[in-house]
C-alpha atoms as a PDB file:
ATOM      1  CA  MET A   1       1.890  13.001  28.428  1.00  0.00           C
ATOM      2  CA  ASN A   2      -1.241  13.035  26.320  1.00  0.00           C
ATOM      3  CA  MET A   3      -0.828  11.377  22.944  1.00  0.00           C
ATOM      4  CA  MET A   4      -3.039  10.858  19.918  1.00  0.00           C
ATOM      5  CA  GLU A   5      -2.429   8.407  17.080  1.00  0.00           C
ATOM      6  CA  VAL A   6      -3.535   8.598  13.446  1.00  0.00           C
ATOM      7  CA  ASP A   7      -2.434   6.133  10.753  1.00  0.00           C
ATOM      8  CA  GLY A   8       0.484   4.936  12.884  1.00  0.00           C
ATOM      9  CA  TYR A   9       1.763   8.468  13.545  1.00  0.00           C
ATOM     10  CA  LYS A  10       1.789   9.752  17.120  1.00  0.00           C
ATOM     11  CA  ALA A  11       1.338  13.311  18.319  1.00  0.00           C
ATOM     12  CA  LYS A  12       1.941  14.953  21.670  1.00  0.00           C
ATOM     13  CA  ILE A  13      -1.133  16.928  22.769  1.00  0.00           C
ATOM     14  CA  GLU A  14      -0.978  19.979  25.037  1.00  0.00           C
ATOM     15  CA  TYR A  15      -3.373  22.720  26.002  1.00  0.00           C
ATOM     16  CA  ASP A  16      -2.489  26.254  24.887  1.00  0.00           C
ATOM     17  CA  PRO A  17      -4.178  28.633  27.355  1.00  0.00           C
ATOM     18  CA  GLU A  18      -3.362  31.734  25.272  1.00  0.00           C
ATOM     19  CA  LEU A  19      -5.351  30.382  22.322  1.00  0.00           C
ATOM     20  CA  ASP A  20      -7.779  28.368  24.456  1.00  0.00           C
ATOM     21  CA  GLN A  21      -7.163  25.389  22.147  1.00  0.00           C
ATOM     22  CA  PHE A  22      -5.370  22.104  22.155  1.00  0.00           C
ATOM     23  CA  ARG A  23      -2.103  21.914  20.227  1.00  0.00           C
ATOM     24  CA  GLY A  24      -0.719  18.745  18.726  1.00  0.00           C
ATOM     25  CA  GLU A  25       2.818  18.115  17.526  1.00  0.00           C
ATOM     26  CA  ILE A  26       3.450  15.079  15.319  1.00  0.00           C
ATOM     27  CA  LEU A  27       6.399  13.103  16.655  1.00  0.00           C
ATOM     28  CA  GLY A  28       9.219  11.270  14.891  1.00  0.00           C
ATOM     29  CA  LEU A  29       9.274  13.356  11.726  1.00  0.00           C
ATOM     30  CA  ASN A  30      12.227  14.698   9.755  1.00  0.00           C
ATOM     31  CA  GLY A  31      10.638  18.109  10.073  1.00  0.00           C
ATOM     32  CA  SER A  32       7.876  19.564  12.140  1.00  0.00           C
ATOM     33  CA  ALA A  33       4.128  19.499  11.834  1.00  0.00           C
ATOM     34  CA  ASP A  34       1.628  20.788  14.340  1.00  0.00           C
ATOM     35  CA  PHE A  35      -2.095  21.348  14.481  1.00  0.00           C
ATOM     36  CA  TYR A  36      -4.775  22.917  16.683  1.00  0.00           C
ATOM     37  CA  GLY A  37      -8.310  22.058  17.693  1.00  0.00           C
ATOM     38  CA  GLU A  38     -10.918  22.987  20.265  1.00  0.00           C
ATOM     39  CA  THR A  39     -12.323  19.482  20.756  1.00  0.00           C
ATOM     40  CA  PRO A  40     -10.875  15.969  20.436  1.00  0.00           C
ATOM     41  CA  ALA A  41     -12.818  15.493  17.193  1.00  0.00           C
ATOM     42  CA  SER A  42     -11.545  18.729  15.657  1.00  0.00           C
ATOM     43  CA  LEU A  43      -8.041  17.978  16.887  1.00  0.00           C
ATOM     44  CA  ARG A  44      -8.096  14.554  15.212  1.00  0.00           C
ATOM     45  CA  LYS A  45      -9.404  16.102  11.975  1.00  0.00           C
ATOM     46  CA  GLU A  46      -6.633  18.721  11.988  1.00  0.00           C
ATOM     47  CA  PHE A  47      -4.064  16.017  12.794  1.00  0.00           C
ATOM     48  CA  LYS A  48      -5.111  14.164   9.635  1.00  0.00           C
ATOM     49  CA  ASN A  49      -5.005  17.359   7.563  1.00  0.00           C
ATOM     50  CA  SER A  50      -1.615  18.429   8.895  1.00  0.00           C
ATOM     51  CA  LEU A  51      -0.163  14.962   8.332  1.00  0.00           C
ATOM     52  CA  LYS A  52      -1.512  14.869   4.764  1.00  0.00           C
ATOM     53  CA  VAL A  53       0.037  18.240   3.935  1.00  0.00           C
ATOM     54  CA  TYR A  54       3.348  17.281   5.571  1.00  0.00           C
ATOM     55  CA  LEU A  55       3.557  14.018   3.607  1.00  0.00           C
ATOM     56  CA  GLU A  56       2.696  15.808   0.335  1.00  0.00           C
ATOM     57  CA  VAL A  57       5.460  18.381   0.916  1.00  0.00           C
ATOM     58  CA  CYS A  58       7.955  15.621   1.721  1.00  0.00           C
ATOM     59  CA  GLU A  59       7.038  13.822  -1.491  1.00  0.00           C
ATOM     60  CA  GLU A  60       7.383  17.012  -3.543  1.00  0.00           C
ATOM     61  CA  LYS A  61      10.809  17.741  -2.048  1.00  0.00           C
ATOM     62  CA  GLY A  62      12.004  14.111  -2.114  1.00  0.00           C
ATOM     63  CA  VAL A  63      12.456  14.068   1.662  1.00  0.00           C
ATOM     64  CA  GLU A  64      11.976  10.962   3.810  1.00  0.00           C
ATOM     65  CA  PRO A  65       9.104  11.977   6.130  1.00  0.00           C
ATOM     66  CA  ILE A  66       9.995   9.768   9.087  1.00  0.00           C
ATOM     67  CA  LYS A  67      13.109  10.369  11.141  1.00  0.00           C
ATOM     68  CA  ASN A  68      15.519   7.432  11.029  1.00  0.00           C
ATOM     69  CA  TYR A  69      16.732   6.067  14.363  1.00  0.00           C
ATOM     70  CA  SER A  70      19.839   3.881  14.623  1.00  0.00           C
ATOM     71  CA  GLY A  71      18.523   1.760  17.479  1.00  0.00           C
ATOM     72  CA  LYS A  72      21.488   2.783  19.647  1.00  0.00           C
ATOM     73  CA  PHE A  73      21.766   5.397  22.357  1.00  0.00           C
ATOM     74  CA  ASN A  74      24.108   6.047  25.264  1.00  0.00           C
ATOM     75  CA  LEU A  75      22.725   6.362  28.733  1.00  0.00           C
ATOM     76  CA  ARG A  76      24.583   7.543  31.822  1.00  0.00           C
ATOM     77  CA  ILE A  77      23.227   6.213  35.089  1.00  0.00           C
ATOM     78  CA  PRO A  78      24.492   6.163  38.671  1.00  0.00           C
ATOM     79  CA  SER A  79      26.787   3.220  39.429  1.00  0.00           C
ATOM     80  CA  ARG A  80      24.419   2.016  42.145  1.00  0.00           C
ATOM     81  CA  LEU A  81      21.591   1.729  39.594  1.00  0.00           C
ATOM     82  CA  HIS A  82      23.939   0.018  37.123  1.00  0.00           C
ATOM     83  CA  ARG A  83      24.818  -2.552  39.784  1.00  0.00           C
ATOM     84  CA  GLU A  84      21.117  -3.206  40.533  1.00  0.00           C
ATOM     85  CA  ILE A  85      20.289  -3.603  36.842  1.00  0.00           C
ATOM     86  CA  ALA A  86      23.205  -6.006  36.396  1.00  0.00           C
ATOM     87  CA  ALA A  87      22.007  -8.079  39.355  1.00  0.00           C
ATOM     88  CA  ARG A  88      18.433  -8.266  38.047  1.00  0.00           C
ATOM     89  CA  ALA A  89      19.608  -9.145  34.540  1.00  0.00           C
ATOM     90  CA  THR A  90      21.870 -11.902  35.859  1.00  0.00           C
ATOM     91  CA  ALA A  91      19.064 -13.261  38.033  1.00  0.00           C
ATOM     92  CA  ALA A  92      16.848 -13.436  34.947  1.00  0.00           C
ATOM     93  CA  ASP A  93      19.626 -15.149  32.906  1.00  0.00           C
ATOM     94  CA  LYS A  94      19.733 -12.191  30.530  1.00  0.00           C
ATOM     95  CA  SER A  95      22.319  -9.695  29.393  1.00  0.00           C
ATOM     96  CA  ILE A  96      21.914  -6.159  30.651  1.00  0.00           C
ATOM     97  CA  ASN A  97      20.897  -5.121  27.132  1.00  0.00           C
ATOM     98  CA  GLU A  98      18.220  -7.852  26.916  1.00  0.00           C
ATOM     99  CA  TRP A  99      16.874  -7.005  30.372  1.00  0.00           C
ATOM    100  CA  ILE A 100      16.697  -3.264  29.663  1.00  0.00           C
ATOM    101  CA  LEU A 101      15.104  -3.843  26.252  1.00  0.00           C
ATOM    102  CA  GLU A 102      12.416  -6.017  27.839  1.00  0.00           C
ATOM    103  CA  THR A 103      11.830  -3.460  30.597  1.00  0.00           C
ATOM    104  CA  LEU A 104      11.539  -0.599  28.120  1.00  0.00           C
ATOM    105  CA  LYS A 105       9.101  -2.553  25.929  1.00  0.00           C
ATOM    106  CA  LEU A 106       6.885  -3.168  28.958  1.00  0.00           C
ATOM    107  CA  SER A 107       7.045   0.516  29.842  1.00  0.00           C
ATOM    108  CA  VAL A 108       5.972   1.850  26.428  1.00  0.00           C
ATOM    109  CA  THR A 109       3.222  -0.710  25.778  1.00  0.00           C
ATOM    110  CA  GLU A 110       1.314  -0.010  28.984  1.00  0.00           C
END
């Protein structure tokens, strides 16, 4: 996935062949905000503009702009994978939760 970041906000970037432009969608918001551009520079400029407008509207309406996440989610995995994760966590002297958290952090920071 192609991503762009502005002021700590991330956006998913895709190409829209019908418009022959790139489309960005700002992620993690309590609403939606998108933007378009023909070049990376114009896309970044429109990202900033779209974000500014979104934040202004949130302030006017008294809405928290950023979606709140609890830090918990359920995940169903095959029992064979669960067994392998448990073995690796035990070998590393960690709980399954600690091992998965560490693995996920490594995955998203690459």
